[in-house]
Amino acid sequence: MLDCRAVILLWLLPWTAQCLAIPRSSSPDWAQCQQLSQSLCTLAWTAHPPVGHMDLLREEGDKETKNDVPHIQCGDGCDPQGLKDNSQFCLQRIHQGLVFYKHLLDSDIFTEEPSLFPDSPVGQLHSSLLGLSQLLQPEDQHWETKQLPSLSPSQQWQRPLLRSKILRSLQAFVAIAARVFAHGAATLSP
């Protein structure tokens, strides 16, 4: 029997070495996360409302470009059972996505347009992204951000299209995150 335990521990070692196993003790304030994520959804849609049929067109791109953008996937533990078992996997994934989008909002794609900051919907979106990502970051642990956007300086003519693409992707991401936090607030809050 001891040999089986040793094998299981050795099997789990690579995940713990990559900081994927996080103690359960650091649980967020689900209600506050729910409120902030709902606010993020509203701000994301305010910053980029749908305009005609052009926003409905799906952009075609190579796999590499599509994989650069963070998505919440089935294996991230954001489903009801995954949240119940260990919500930290999902929270870490959401945190990584929020940091990713914050870096994009800090890029020249947004900062070169003075009307987008500081009191605009994009400026408020930036502040809310920062607030929620800080709320998710456990005080006693630093989550490594593996996925950061690889940015090169953009041309003036590219920025409106890039802003639109980034904000649409952010809308989808925060919509799923808001659903996760709504479920967490309803079922996991003390």
Protein backbone atom coordinates (compact mmCIF):
# COMPACT_ATOMS: atom_id res chain seq x y z
CA MET A 1 0.00 0.00 0.00
CA LEU A 2 2.89 2.35 0.74
CA ASP A 3 4.18 1.87 -2.80
CA CYS A 4 0.87 3.11 -4.29
CA ARG A 5 1.02 6.28 -2.20
CA ALA A 6 4.59 6.92 -3.28
CA VAL A 7 3.63 6.49 -6.93
CA ILE A 8 0.70 8.90 -6.54
CA LEU A 9 2.92 11.49 -4.84
CA LEU A 10 5.51 11.18 -7.59
CA TRP A 11 2.76 11.55 -10.18
CA LEU A 12 1.56 14.79 -8.54
CA LEU A 13 5.07 16.23 -8.11
CA PRO A 14 5.33 17.92 -11.56
CA TRP A 15 2.08 19.85 -10.97
CA THR A 16 3.10 21.07 -7.55
CA ALA A 17 6.52 22.05 -8.87
CA GLN A 18 4.80 24.28 -11.44
CA CYS A 19 2.79 26.01 -8.67
CA LEU A 20 -0.45 24.58 -9.98
CA ALA A 21 -1.50 23.10 -6.67
CA ILE A 22 -2.47 26.01 -4.46
CA PRO A 23 -3.67 25.70 -0.90
CA ARG A 24 -7.42 26.04 -0.40
CA SER A 25 -7.00 28.50 2.45
CA SER A 26 -6.71 31.50 0.15
CA SER A 27 -10.29 31.92 -1.00
CA PRO A 28 -11.49 35.22 -2.44
CA ASP A 29 -14.44 37.29 -1.38
CA TRP A 30 -16.81 35.73 -3.92
CA ALA A 31 -19.46 38.43 -3.55
CA GLN A 32 -16.94 41.21 -4.17
CA CYS A 33 -15.50 39.30 -7.14
CA GLN A 34 -19.03 38.88 -8.51
CA GLN A 35 -19.71 42.60 -8.20
CA LEU A 36 -16.40 43.60 -9.82
CA SER A 37 -16.77 41.07 -12.65
CA GLN A 38 -20.30 42.29 -13.43
CA SER A 39 -18.95 45.83 -13.49
CA LEU A 40 -16.18 44.68 -15.84
CA CYS A 41 -18.78 43.19 -18.20
CA THR A 42 -20.72 46.44 -18.28
CA LEU A 43 -17.57 48.49 -18.83
CA ALA A 44 -16.32 46.18 -21.58
CA TRP A 45 -19.59 46.60 -23.49
CA THR A 46 -19.62 50.35 -22.83
CA ALA A 47 -16.05 50.68 -24.10
CA HIS A 48 -16.90 48.81 -27.31
CA PRO A 49 -20.60 48.53 -28.14
CA PRO A 50 -21.51 46.49 -31.24
CA VAL A 51 -21.59 48.70 -34.33
CA GLY A 52 -23.46 47.29 -37.30
CA HIS A 53 -22.65 44.07 -39.06
CA MET A 54 -18.87 44.57 -39.08
CA ASP A 55 -18.58 43.51 -35.45
CA LEU A 56 -20.40 40.30 -36.24
CA LEU A 57 -17.74 39.18 -38.70
CA ARG A 58 -15.44 36.58 -37.26
CA GLU A 59 -11.82 37.29 -37.88
CA GLU A 60 -9.83 34.56 -39.48
CA GLY A 61 -6.33 34.08 -38.24
CA ASP A 62 -3.77 31.42 -37.86
CA LYS A 63 -3.79 29.14 -34.86
CA GLU A 64 -0.83 30.91 -33.31
CA THR A 65 -2.65 34.26 -33.19
CA LYS A 66 -5.79 32.71 -31.71
CA ASN A 67 -3.80 30.87 -29.03
CA ASP A 68 -2.20 34.09 -27.80
CA VAL A 69 -5.48 35.24 -26.26
CA PRO A 70 -6.44 33.66 -22.92
CA HIS A 71 -9.61 31.60 -22.80
CA ILE A 72 -11.30 29.89 -19.88
CA GLN A 73 -11.53 26.24 -20.92
CA CYS A 74 -13.06 23.07 -19.53
CA GLY A 75 -9.77 21.89 -18.03
CA ASP A 76 -9.38 25.09 -16.00
CA GLY A 77 -11.72 23.87 -13.26
CA CYS A 78 -14.22 26.72 -13.66
CA ASP A 79 -17.21 24.36 -13.82
CA PRO A 80 -19.37 23.95 -10.68
CA GLN A 81 -17.66 20.71 -9.61
CA GLY A 82 -14.17 22.09 -10.30
CA LEU A 83 -14.92 25.19 -8.21
CA LYS A 84 -16.22 23.02 -5.37
CA ASP A 85 -13.18 20.71 -5.43
CA ASN A 86 -10.46 23.37 -5.75
CA SER A 87 -11.39 26.84 -6.98
CA GLN A 88 -7.76 27.99 -7.05
CA PHE A 89 -7.05 26.45 -10.47
CA CYS A 90 -9.87 28.48 -12.00
CA LEU A 91 -9.06 31.65 -10.06
CA GLN A 92 -5.46 31.47 -11.20
CA ARG A 93 -6.59 31.14 -14.82
CA ILE A 94 -8.91 34.13 -14.50
CA HIS A 95 -6.12 36.12 -12.82
CA GLN A 96 -3.76 35.31 -15.70
CA GLY A 97 -6.36 36.49 -18.21
CA LEU A 98 -6.99 39.73 -16.33
CA VAL A 99 -3.25 40.48 -16.20
CA PHE A 100 -2.98 39.68 -19.93
CA TYR A 101 -5.72 42.15 -20.84
CA LYS A 102 -4.34 44.78 -18.46
CA HIS A 103 -1.03 44.58 -20.36
CA LEU A 104 -2.90 45.09 -23.62
CA LEU A 105 -4.71 48.13 -22.23
CA ASP A 106 -1.30 49.49 -21.16
CA SER A 107 0.05 49.14 -24.71
CA ASP A 108 0.32 51.87 -27.33
CA ILE A 109 -2.83 50.48 -28.95
CA PHE A 110 -4.77 52.24 -26.21
CA THR A 111 -2.35 54.71 -24.63
CA GLU A 112 -1.61 56.57 -27.88
CA GLU A 113 -5.25 57.68 -28.00
CA PRO A 114 -5.63 60.37 -25.28
CA SER A 115 -9.42 60.30 -25.42
CA LEU A 116 -9.39 56.70 -24.15
CA PHE A 117 -7.92 57.57 -20.73
CA PRO A 118 -8.34 58.27 -17.76
CA ASP A 119 -12.08 58.92 -17.24
CA SER A 120 -13.30 57.12 -20.34
CA PRO A 121 -14.90 53.66 -20.28
CA VAL A 122 -11.53 52.18 -21.32
CA GLY A 123 -9.81 53.95 -18.41
CA GLN A 124 -12.45 52.66 -16.01
CA LEU A 125 -12.10 49.20 -17.54
CA HIS A 126 -8.36 49.33 -16.93
CA SER A 127 -8.89 50.28 -13.26
CA SER A 128 -11.46 47.52 -12.77
CA LEU A 129 -9.19 44.90 -14.37
CA LEU A 130 -6.44 45.92 -11.99
CA GLY A 131 -8.79 45.86 -8.99
CA LEU A 132 -10.17 42.39 -9.70
CA SER A 133 -6.74 40.93 -10.47
CA GLN A 134 -5.42 42.29 -7.16
CA LEU A 135 -8.42 40.86 -5.32
CA LEU A 136 -7.70 37.42 -6.79
CA GLN A 137 -3.97 37.48 -6.01
CA PRO A 138 -3.41 35.71 -2.67
CA GLU A 139 -1.44 37.85 -0.25
CA ASP A 140 0.89 35.02 0.71
CA GLN A 141 1.56 33.78 -2.81
CA HIS A 142 2.68 35.22 -6.13
CA TRP A 143 0.99 33.63 -9.12
CA GLU A 144 3.29 33.45 -12.09
CA THR A 145 1.80 34.91 -15.24
CA LYS A 146 2.78 32.55 -18.00
CA GLN A 147 0.87 34.15 -20.83
CA LEU A 148 1.63 37.78 -21.63
CA PRO A 149 0.89 39.46 -24.93
CA SER A 150 3.83 39.75 -27.28
CA LEU A 151 3.50 43.29 -28.49
CA SER A 152 5.41 45.24 -31.05
CA PRO A 153 4.71 48.93 -31.63
CA SER A 154 1.55 49.34 -33.66
CA GLN A 155 0.94 51.68 -36.55
CA GLN A 156 -1.65 54.44 -36.22
CA TRP A 157 -3.90 52.86 -38.87
CA GLN A 158 -3.86 49.48 -37.06
CA ARG A 159 -4.96 50.74 -33.65
CA PRO A 160 -8.73 51.08 -34.17
CA LEU A 161 -8.93 47.53 -35.55
CA LEU A 162 -6.68 46.14 -32.81
CA ARG A 163 -8.67 47.96 -30.09
CA SER A 164 -11.88 46.50 -31.46
CA LYS A 165 -10.44 42.98 -31.59
CA ILE A 166 -8.99 43.21 -28.06
CA LEU A 167 -12.19 44.61 -26.55
CA ARG A 168 -14.37 41.94 -28.21
CA SER A 169 -12.09 39.23 -26.87
CA LEU A 170 -12.12 40.85 -23.43
CA GLN A 171 -15.93 40.96 -23.50
CA ALA A 172 -16.07 37.20 -24.01
CA PHE A 173 -13.48 36.54 -21.30
CA VAL A 174 -15.11 38.70 -18.61
CA ALA A 175 -18.57 37.30 -19.43
CA ILE A 176 -17.38 33.81 -18.53
CA ALA A 177 -15.48 35.09 -15.50
CA ALA A 178 -18.64 36.85 -14.29
CA ARG A 179 -20.56 33.57 -14.54
CA VAL A 180 -17.87 31.83 -12.50
CA PHE A 181 -18.03 34.48 -9.77
CA ALA A 182 -21.84 34.47 -9.75
CA HIS A 183 -21.78 30.73 -9.13
CA GLY A 184 -19.04 31.09 -6.52
CA ALA A 185 -20.96 33.84 -4.69
CA ALA A 186 -24.12 31.73 -4.69
CA THR A 187 -22.61 28.43 -3.58
CA LEU A 188 -19.11 28.90 -2.14
CA SER A 189 -19.46 31.98 0.06
CA PRO A 190 -19.41 31.31 3.79
